[in-house]
Amino acid sequence: DTEIAAAMNVSADGFHKIILKVSGTAVFSLNDIRVSSDDSERISIEDSIESPASLNPDTIIEREELRQLIARAISELPEKERIVLVLYYHEALTFKEIGRVLNVSESRISQIHTRANIRLRARLGSLRKSAL
């Protein structure tokens, strides 16, 4: 990170802020309300997700394949990144709580989380291409 920041002529902190901006990561609650384009309907994100019973067999198979690709990509991440993802998404810990578990700052956890997501996107892209 330091070398890349230096090459970009920005501070390490500035580099991490840039990474956060371009990562495209969005965190939201399933309880968040989604409003229709004409503002006539309000529905929670959770309520808008299809139930597995309503999916056709092709969709079920595609989702299972995607789940396997994601699991494979996560297994190939560095250990600390895997731990952060598991604690954040599976155990529902906050960055602050994860920082206490790993004995690092909340901002460092944010950086690790962002880097893991970037690696996952890149890895998933290459896995999907090789699966085709």
N, C-alpha and C. Protein backbone atom coordinates (compact mmCIF):
# COMPACT_ATOMS: atom_id res chain seq x y z
N ASP A 1 0.82 -1.20 0.00
CA ASP A 1 0.00 0.00 0.00
C ASP A 1 0.86 1.26 0.00
N THR A 2 1.90 1.23 0.81
CA THR A 2 2.78 2.40 0.92
C THR A 2 3.45 2.71 -0.41
N GLU A 3 3.91 1.67 -1.10
CA GLU A 3 4.57 1.88 -2.39
C GLU A 3 3.59 2.42 -3.43
N ILE A 4 2.39 1.88 -3.44
CA ILE A 4 1.38 2.34 -4.39
C ILE A 4 1.02 3.79 -4.10
N ALA A 5 0.82 4.10 -2.80
CA ALA A 5 0.49 5.48 -2.40
C ALA A 5 1.60 6.44 -2.84
N ALA A 6 2.84 6.04 -2.63
CA ALA A 6 3.97 6.89 -3.02
C ALA A 6 3.99 7.10 -4.54
N ALA A 7 3.74 6.03 -5.29
CA ALA A 7 3.71 6.14 -6.75
C ALA A 7 2.58 7.04 -7.22
N MET A 8 1.48 7.06 -6.45
CA MET A 8 0.35 7.92 -6.80
C MET A 8 0.50 9.33 -6.24
N ASN A 9 1.57 9.53 -5.46
CA ASN A 9 1.85 10.82 -4.84
C ASN A 9 0.73 11.23 -3.87
N VAL A 10 0.26 10.26 -3.07
CA VAL A 10 -0.73 10.52 -2.03
C VAL A 10 -0.25 9.83 -0.75
N SER A 11 -0.82 10.25 0.37
CA SER A 11 -0.48 9.61 1.63
C SER A 11 -1.10 8.22 1.68
N ALA A 12 -0.61 7.39 2.60
CA ALA A 12 -1.19 6.05 2.76
C ALA A 12 -2.66 6.16 3.16
N ASP A 13 -2.97 7.12 4.02
CA ASP A 13 -4.35 7.33 4.44
C ASP A 13 -5.20 7.78 3.25
N GLY A 14 -4.66 8.66 2.43
CA GLY A 14 -5.36 9.11 1.24
C GLY A 14 -5.60 7.96 0.26
N PHE A 15 -4.60 7.08 0.14
CA PHE A 15 -4.75 5.91 -0.72
C PHE A 15 -5.89 5.02 -0.23
N HIS A 16 -5.96 4.79 1.08
CA HIS A 16 -7.02 3.95 1.63
C HIS A 16 -8.40 4.58 1.43
N LYS A 17 -8.46 5.89 1.51
CA LYS A 17 -9.73 6.57 1.24
C LYS A 17 -10.15 6.40 -0.21
N ILE A 18 -9.19 6.45 -1.12
CA ILE A 18 -9.47 6.23 -2.54
C ILE A 18 -9.98 4.81 -2.76
N ILE A 19 -9.33 3.85 -2.14
CA ILE A 19 -9.75 2.44 -2.26
C ILE A 19 -11.20 2.29 -1.78
N LEU A 20 -11.53 2.92 -0.66
CA LEU A 20 -12.90 2.85 -0.15
C LEU A 20 -13.90 3.44 -1.14
N LYS A 21 -13.53 4.56 -1.77
CA LYS A 21 -14.43 5.21 -2.72
C LYS A 21 -14.68 4.36 -3.96
N VAL A 22 -13.64 3.70 -4.45
CA VAL A 22 -13.77 2.96 -5.70
C VAL A 22 -14.19 1.51 -5.50
N SER A 23 -14.26 1.07 -4.27
CA SER A 23 -14.56 -0.35 -4.03
C SER A 23 -15.99 -0.70 -4.40
N GLY A 24 -16.89 0.26 -4.38
CA GLY A 24 -18.27 -0.03 -4.73
C GLY A 24 -19.00 -0.84 -3.68
N THR A 25 -18.41 -0.96 -2.52
CA THR A 25 -19.04 -1.72 -1.46
C THR A 25 -20.16 -0.91 -0.84
N ALA A 26 -21.29 -1.52 -0.74
CA ALA A 26 -22.43 -0.87 -0.09
C ALA A 26 -22.97 -1.78 0.99
N VAL A 27 -23.10 -1.24 2.16
CA VAL A 27 -23.64 -2.00 3.27
C VAL A 27 -25.00 -1.41 3.60
N PHE A 28 -26.00 -2.28 3.71
CA PHE A 28 -27.33 -1.81 4.06
C PHE A 28 -28.03 -2.90 4.84
N SER A 29 -29.07 -2.54 5.50
CA SER A 29 -29.86 -3.47 6.28
C SER A 29 -31.00 -4.00 5.43
N LEU A 30 -31.38 -5.24 5.67
CA LEU A 30 -32.53 -5.79 4.96
C LEU A 30 -33.81 -5.10 5.40
N ASN A 31 -33.75 -4.39 6.51
CA ASN A 31 -34.92 -3.66 6.99
C ASN A 31 -35.05 -2.27 6.35
N ASP A 32 -34.02 -1.85 5.60
CA ASP A 32 -34.10 -0.56 4.91
C ASP A 32 -35.31 -0.56 3.98
N ILE A 33 -35.88 0.59 3.82
CA ILE A 33 -37.07 0.72 2.99
C ILE A 33 -36.67 1.15 1.59
N ARG A 34 -37.22 0.46 0.62
CA ARG A 34 -37.01 0.79 -0.78
C ARG A 34 -38.29 1.46 -1.27
N VAL A 35 -38.15 2.56 -1.96
CA VAL A 35 -39.30 3.31 -2.46
C VAL A 35 -39.34 3.16 -3.97
N SER A 36 -40.54 2.92 -4.51
CA SER A 36 -40.68 2.79 -5.96
C SER A 36 -40.34 4.11 -6.63
N SER A 37 -40.08 4.05 -7.92
CA SER A 37 -39.66 5.25 -8.65
C SER A 37 -40.73 6.34 -8.64
N ASP A 38 -41.99 5.95 -8.58
CA ASP A 38 -43.05 6.98 -8.56
C ASP A 38 -43.50 7.30 -7.13
N ASP A 39 -42.75 6.79 -6.13
CA ASP A 39 -43.00 7.07 -4.71
C ASP A 39 -44.36 6.56 -4.23
N SER A 40 -44.93 5.57 -4.95
CA SER A 40 -46.25 5.07 -4.59
C SER A 40 -46.17 3.84 -3.69
N GLU A 41 -45.00 3.21 -3.63
CA GLU A 41 -44.90 1.97 -2.87
C GLU A 41 -43.64 1.97 -2.01
N ARG A 42 -43.78 1.52 -0.78
CA ARG A 42 -42.64 1.38 0.13
C ARG A 42 -42.60 -0.07 0.58
N ILE A 43 -41.43 -0.68 0.43
CA ILE A 43 -41.29 -2.09 0.80
C ILE A 43 -39.89 -2.30 1.36
N SER A 44 -39.76 -3.17 2.36
CA SER A 44 -38.43 -3.45 2.90
C SER A 44 -37.66 -4.27 1.89
N ILE A 45 -36.36 -4.15 1.92
CA ILE A 45 -35.51 -4.91 1.00
C ILE A 45 -35.72 -6.40 1.24
N GLU A 46 -35.86 -6.79 2.51
CA GLU A 46 -36.09 -8.19 2.84
C GLU A 46 -37.35 -8.74 2.16
N ASP A 47 -38.41 -7.94 2.15
CA ASP A 47 -39.66 -8.38 1.54
C ASP A 47 -39.58 -8.46 0.02
N SER A 48 -38.60 -7.79 -0.57
CA SER A 48 -38.49 -7.80 -2.03
C SER A 48 -37.64 -8.96 -2.55
N ILE A 49 -37.02 -9.71 -1.64
CA ILE A 49 -36.18 -10.84 -2.05
C ILE A 49 -37.07 -12.04 -2.33
N GLU A 50 -36.79 -12.71 -3.44
CA GLU A 50 -37.60 -13.87 -3.83
C GLU A 50 -37.42 -15.01 -2.83
N SER A 51 -38.47 -15.73 -2.58
CA SER A 51 -38.37 -16.92 -1.73
C SER A 51 -37.85 -18.06 -2.59
N PRO A 52 -37.02 -18.94 -2.00
CA PRO A 52 -36.48 -20.05 -2.78
C PRO A 52 -37.57 -20.92 -3.42
N ALA A 53 -38.72 -21.02 -2.79
CA ALA A 53 -39.80 -21.84 -3.33
C ALA A 53 -40.32 -21.29 -4.65
N SER A 54 -40.14 -19.98 -4.88
CA SER A 54 -40.66 -19.38 -6.11
C SER A 54 -39.66 -19.42 -7.25
N LEU A 55 -38.47 -19.94 -7.01
CA LEU A 55 -37.43 -19.96 -8.04
C LEU A 55 -37.54 -21.20 -8.91
N ASN A 56 -37.20 -21.04 -10.17
CA ASN A 56 -37.21 -22.20 -11.06
C ASN A 56 -35.91 -22.99 -10.87
N PRO A 57 -35.85 -24.24 -11.31
CA PRO A 57 -34.67 -25.08 -11.10
C PRO A 57 -33.38 -24.49 -11.68
N ASP A 58 -33.46 -23.83 -12.82
CA ASP A 58 -32.26 -23.21 -13.40
C ASP A 58 -31.69 -22.14 -12.47
N THR A 59 -32.56 -21.33 -11.91
CA THR A 59 -32.12 -20.27 -11.00
C THR A 59 -31.51 -20.87 -9.74
N ILE A 60 -32.11 -21.92 -9.23
CA ILE A 60 -31.58 -22.58 -8.04
C ILE A 60 -30.19 -23.12 -8.31
N ILE A 61 -29.99 -23.76 -9.45
CA ILE A 61 -28.67 -24.31 -9.82
C ILE A 61 -27.66 -23.18 -10.00
N GLU A 62 -28.05 -22.09 -10.67
CA GLU A 62 -27.15 -20.95 -10.86
C GLU A 62 -26.72 -20.36 -9.53
N ARG A 63 -27.66 -20.22 -8.62
CA ARG A 63 -27.33 -19.65 -7.30
C ARG A 63 -26.40 -20.57 -6.51
N GLU A 64 -26.62 -21.87 -6.61
CA GLU A 64 -25.74 -22.82 -5.93
C GLU A 64 -24.34 -22.77 -6.52
N GLU A 65 -24.24 -22.67 -7.83
CA GLU A 65 -22.93 -22.55 -8.47
C GLU A 65 -22.22 -21.26 -8.03
N LEU A 66 -22.98 -20.18 -7.96
CA LEU A 66 -22.42 -18.91 -7.52
C LEU A 66 -21.97 -19.02 -6.06
N ARG A 67 -22.77 -19.66 -5.22
CA ARG A 67 -22.41 -19.84 -3.82
C ARG A 67 -21.10 -20.62 -3.71
N GLN A 68 -20.95 -21.66 -4.54
CA GLN A 68 -19.72 -22.44 -4.53
C GLN A 68 -18.52 -21.62 -5.01
N LEU A 69 -18.74 -20.78 -6.04
CA LEU A 69 -17.66 -19.91 -6.51
C LEU A 69 -17.22 -18.93 -5.43
N ILE A 70 -18.20 -18.36 -4.73
CA ILE A 70 -17.89 -17.41 -3.65
C ILE A 70 -17.14 -18.12 -2.53
N ALA A 71 -17.60 -19.30 -2.13
CA ALA A 71 -16.94 -20.06 -1.07
C ALA A 71 -15.50 -20.38 -1.47
N ARG A 72 -15.30 -20.77 -2.73
CA ARG A 72 -13.95 -21.07 -3.21
C ARG A 72 -13.06 -19.82 -3.19
N ALA A 73 -13.62 -18.70 -3.66
CA ALA A 73 -12.86 -17.44 -3.68
C ALA A 73 -12.51 -17.00 -2.26
N ILE A 74 -13.44 -17.14 -1.33
CA ILE A 74 -13.16 -16.75 0.06
C ILE A 74 -12.08 -17.64 0.65
N SER A 75 -12.12 -18.93 0.33
CA SER A 75 -11.11 -19.86 0.88
C SER A 75 -9.70 -19.52 0.40
N GLU A 76 -9.60 -18.81 -0.71
CA GLU A 76 -8.29 -18.45 -1.27
C GLU A 76 -7.77 -17.10 -0.77
N LEU A 77 -8.58 -16.41 0.03
CA LEU A 77 -8.14 -15.12 0.58
C LEU A 77 -7.12 -15.34 1.69
N PRO A 78 -6.29 -14.32 1.96
CA PRO A 78 -5.40 -14.41 3.12
C PRO A 78 -6.23 -14.59 4.40
N GLU A 79 -5.64 -15.24 5.38
CA GLU A 79 -6.36 -15.61 6.60
C GLU A 79 -7.06 -14.43 7.28
N LYS A 80 -6.37 -13.32 7.42
CA LYS A 80 -6.96 -12.18 8.13
C LYS A 80 -8.19 -11.65 7.39
N GLU A 81 -8.13 -11.63 6.07
CA GLU A 81 -9.27 -11.17 5.28
C GLU A 81 -10.45 -12.14 5.43
N ARG A 82 -10.17 -13.45 5.43
CA ARG A 82 -11.24 -14.43 5.64
C ARG A 82 -11.89 -14.24 7.01
N ILE A 83 -11.06 -14.03 8.01
CA ILE A 83 -11.58 -13.85 9.37
C ILE A 83 -12.48 -12.63 9.43
N VAL A 84 -12.04 -11.52 8.85
CA VAL A 84 -12.84 -10.29 8.87
C VAL A 84 -14.18 -10.53 8.18
N LEU A 85 -14.18 -11.18 7.02
CA LEU A 85 -15.43 -11.43 6.31
C LEU A 85 -16.38 -12.33 7.11
N VAL A 86 -15.84 -13.37 7.71
CA VAL A 86 -16.68 -14.27 8.51
C VAL A 86 -17.25 -13.55 9.72
N LEU A 87 -16.42 -12.80 10.42
CA LEU A 87 -16.91 -12.09 11.60
C LEU A 87 -17.92 -11.02 11.24
N TYR A 88 -17.72 -10.36 10.10
CA TYR A 88 -18.62 -9.28 9.71
C TYR A 88 -19.94 -9.81 9.15
N TYR A 89 -19.86 -10.72 8.17
CA TYR A 89 -21.07 -11.16 7.49
C TYR A 89 -21.77 -12.33 8.19
N HIS A 90 -21.00 -13.25 8.75
CA HIS A 90 -21.62 -14.42 9.36
C HIS A 90 -21.95 -14.19 10.84
N GLU A 91 -21.02 -13.59 11.56
CA GLU A 91 -21.22 -13.36 13.00
C GLU A 91 -21.84 -12.00 13.29
N ALA A 92 -21.97 -11.16 12.28
CA ALA A 92 -22.61 -9.84 12.39
C ALA A 92 -21.92 -8.92 13.41
N LEU A 93 -20.60 -9.02 13.50
CA LEU A 93 -19.85 -8.10 14.36
C LEU A 93 -19.60 -6.80 13.61
N THR A 94 -19.46 -5.72 14.34
CA THR A 94 -19.12 -4.44 13.74
C THR A 94 -17.61 -4.39 13.51
N PHE A 95 -17.16 -3.41 12.72
CA PHE A 95 -15.73 -3.25 12.51
C PHE A 95 -15.02 -2.99 13.85
N LYS A 96 -15.65 -2.24 14.70
CA LYS A 96 -15.07 -1.94 16.02
C LYS A 96 -14.89 -3.23 16.83
N GLU A 97 -15.91 -4.08 16.82
CA GLU A 97 -15.84 -5.35 17.56
C GLU A 97 -14.78 -6.28 16.95
N ILE A 98 -14.72 -6.32 15.64
CA ILE A 98 -13.72 -7.15 14.97
C ILE A 98 -12.32 -6.64 15.31
N GLY A 99 -12.18 -5.31 15.35
CA GLY A 99 -10.89 -4.72 15.71
C GLY A 99 -10.44 -5.16 17.09
N ARG A 100 -11.38 -5.23 18.02
CA ARG A 100 -11.03 -5.70 19.38
C ARG A 100 -10.60 -7.17 19.35
N VAL A 101 -11.30 -7.98 18.56
CA VAL A 101 -10.97 -9.40 18.45
C VAL A 101 -9.57 -9.58 17.87
N LEU A 102 -9.25 -8.82 16.83
CA LEU A 102 -7.97 -8.98 16.14
C LEU A 102 -6.88 -8.03 16.67
N ASN A 103 -7.26 -7.20 17.65
CA ASN A 103 -6.32 -6.27 18.27
C ASN A 103 -5.73 -5.28 17.27
N VAL A 104 -6.61 -4.74 16.42
CA VAL A 104 -6.23 -3.68 15.48
C VAL A 104 -7.33 -2.62 15.49
N SER A 105 -7.07 -1.50 14.87
CA SER A 105 -8.04 -0.40 14.88
C SER A 105 -9.24 -0.68 13.97
N GLU A 106 -10.31 0.02 14.25
CA GLU A 106 -11.52 -0.09 13.44
C GLU A 106 -11.22 0.30 11.99
N SER A 107 -10.41 1.34 11.79
CA SER A 107 -10.09 1.77 10.43
C SER A 107 -9.27 0.71 9.69
N ARG A 108 -8.42 0.00 10.43
CA ARG A 108 -7.64 -1.08 9.80
C ARG A 108 -8.57 -2.22 9.37
N ILE A 109 -9.58 -2.52 10.17
CA ILE A 109 -10.55 -3.54 9.81
C ILE A 109 -11.29 -3.11 8.54
N SER A 110 -11.64 -1.83 8.46
CA SER A 110 -12.30 -1.31 7.26
C SER A 110 -11.41 -1.51 6.04
N GLN A 111 -10.13 -1.25 6.19
CA GLN A 111 -9.19 -1.43 5.08
C GLN A 111 -9.09 -2.91 4.67
N ILE A 112 -9.02 -3.79 5.66
CA ILE A 112 -8.93 -5.23 5.37
C ILE A 112 -10.21 -5.69 4.68
N HIS A 113 -11.35 -5.20 5.16
CA HIS A 113 -12.65 -5.56 4.58
C HIS A 113 -12.72 -5.11 3.11
N THR A 114 -12.30 -3.89 2.87
CA THR A 114 -12.30 -3.36 1.50
C THR A 114 -11.38 -4.16 0.60
N ARG A 115 -10.19 -4.44 1.09
CA ARG A 115 -9.23 -5.21 0.29
C ARG A 115 -9.80 -6.60 0.00
N ALA A 116 -10.43 -7.24 0.98
CA ALA A 116 -11.02 -8.57 0.77
C ALA A 116 -12.10 -8.51 -0.31
N ASN A 117 -12.93 -7.48 -0.28
CA ASN A 117 -13.98 -7.34 -1.29
C ASN A 117 -13.40 -7.11 -2.67
N ILE A 118 -12.35 -6.33 -2.77
CA ILE A 118 -11.69 -6.10 -4.06
C ILE A 118 -11.10 -7.41 -4.59
N ARG A 119 -10.43 -8.15 -3.71
CA ARG A 119 -9.85 -9.43 -4.13
C ARG A 119 -10.95 -10.41 -4.56
N LEU A 120 -12.05 -10.43 -3.79
CA LEU A 120 -13.16 -11.32 -4.14
C LEU A 120 -13.73 -11.01 -5.51
N ARG A 121 -13.95 -9.72 -5.78
CA ARG A 121 -14.48 -9.34 -7.09
C ARG A 121 -13.55 -9.80 -8.21
N ALA A 122 -12.26 -9.56 -8.02
CA ALA A 122 -11.29 -9.95 -9.04
C ALA A 122 -11.26 -11.47 -9.20
N ARG A 123 -11.24 -12.16 -8.07
CA ARG A 123 -11.18 -13.63 -8.10
C ARG A 123 -12.45 -14.22 -8.70
N LEU A 124 -13.59 -13.68 -8.32
CA LEU A 124 -14.86 -14.19 -8.86
C LEU A 124 -14.94 -13.97 -10.37
N GLY A 125 -14.42 -12.85 -10.82
CA GLY A 125 -14.40 -12.58 -12.25
C GLY A 125 -13.59 -13.63 -12.99
N SER A 126 -12.42 -13.97 -12.45
CA SER A 126 -11.57 -14.96 -13.12
C SER A 126 -12.15 -16.37 -12.96
N LEU A 127 -12.77 -16.69 -11.82
CA LEU A 127 -13.39 -18.00 -11.64
C LEU A 127 -14.57 -18.19 -12.57
N ARG A 128 -15.38 -17.16 -12.72
CA ARG A 128 -16.55 -17.26 -13.60
C ARG A 128 -16.12 -17.45 -15.05
N LYS A 129 -15.06 -16.74 -15.45
CA LYS A 129 -14.57 -16.91 -16.82
C LYS A 129 -14.04 -18.32 -17.05
N SER A 130 -13.32 -18.87 -16.05
CA SER A 130 -12.77 -20.22 -16.22
C SER A 130 -13.86 -21.28 -16.14
N ALA A 131 -14.98 -20.96 -15.46
CA ALA A 131 -16.09 -21.93 -15.35
C ALA A 131 -16.89 -22.00 -16.64
N LEU A 132 -16.81 -20.95 -17.45
CA LEU A 132 -17.57 -20.93 -18.72
C LEU A 132 -16.90 -21.74 -19.75
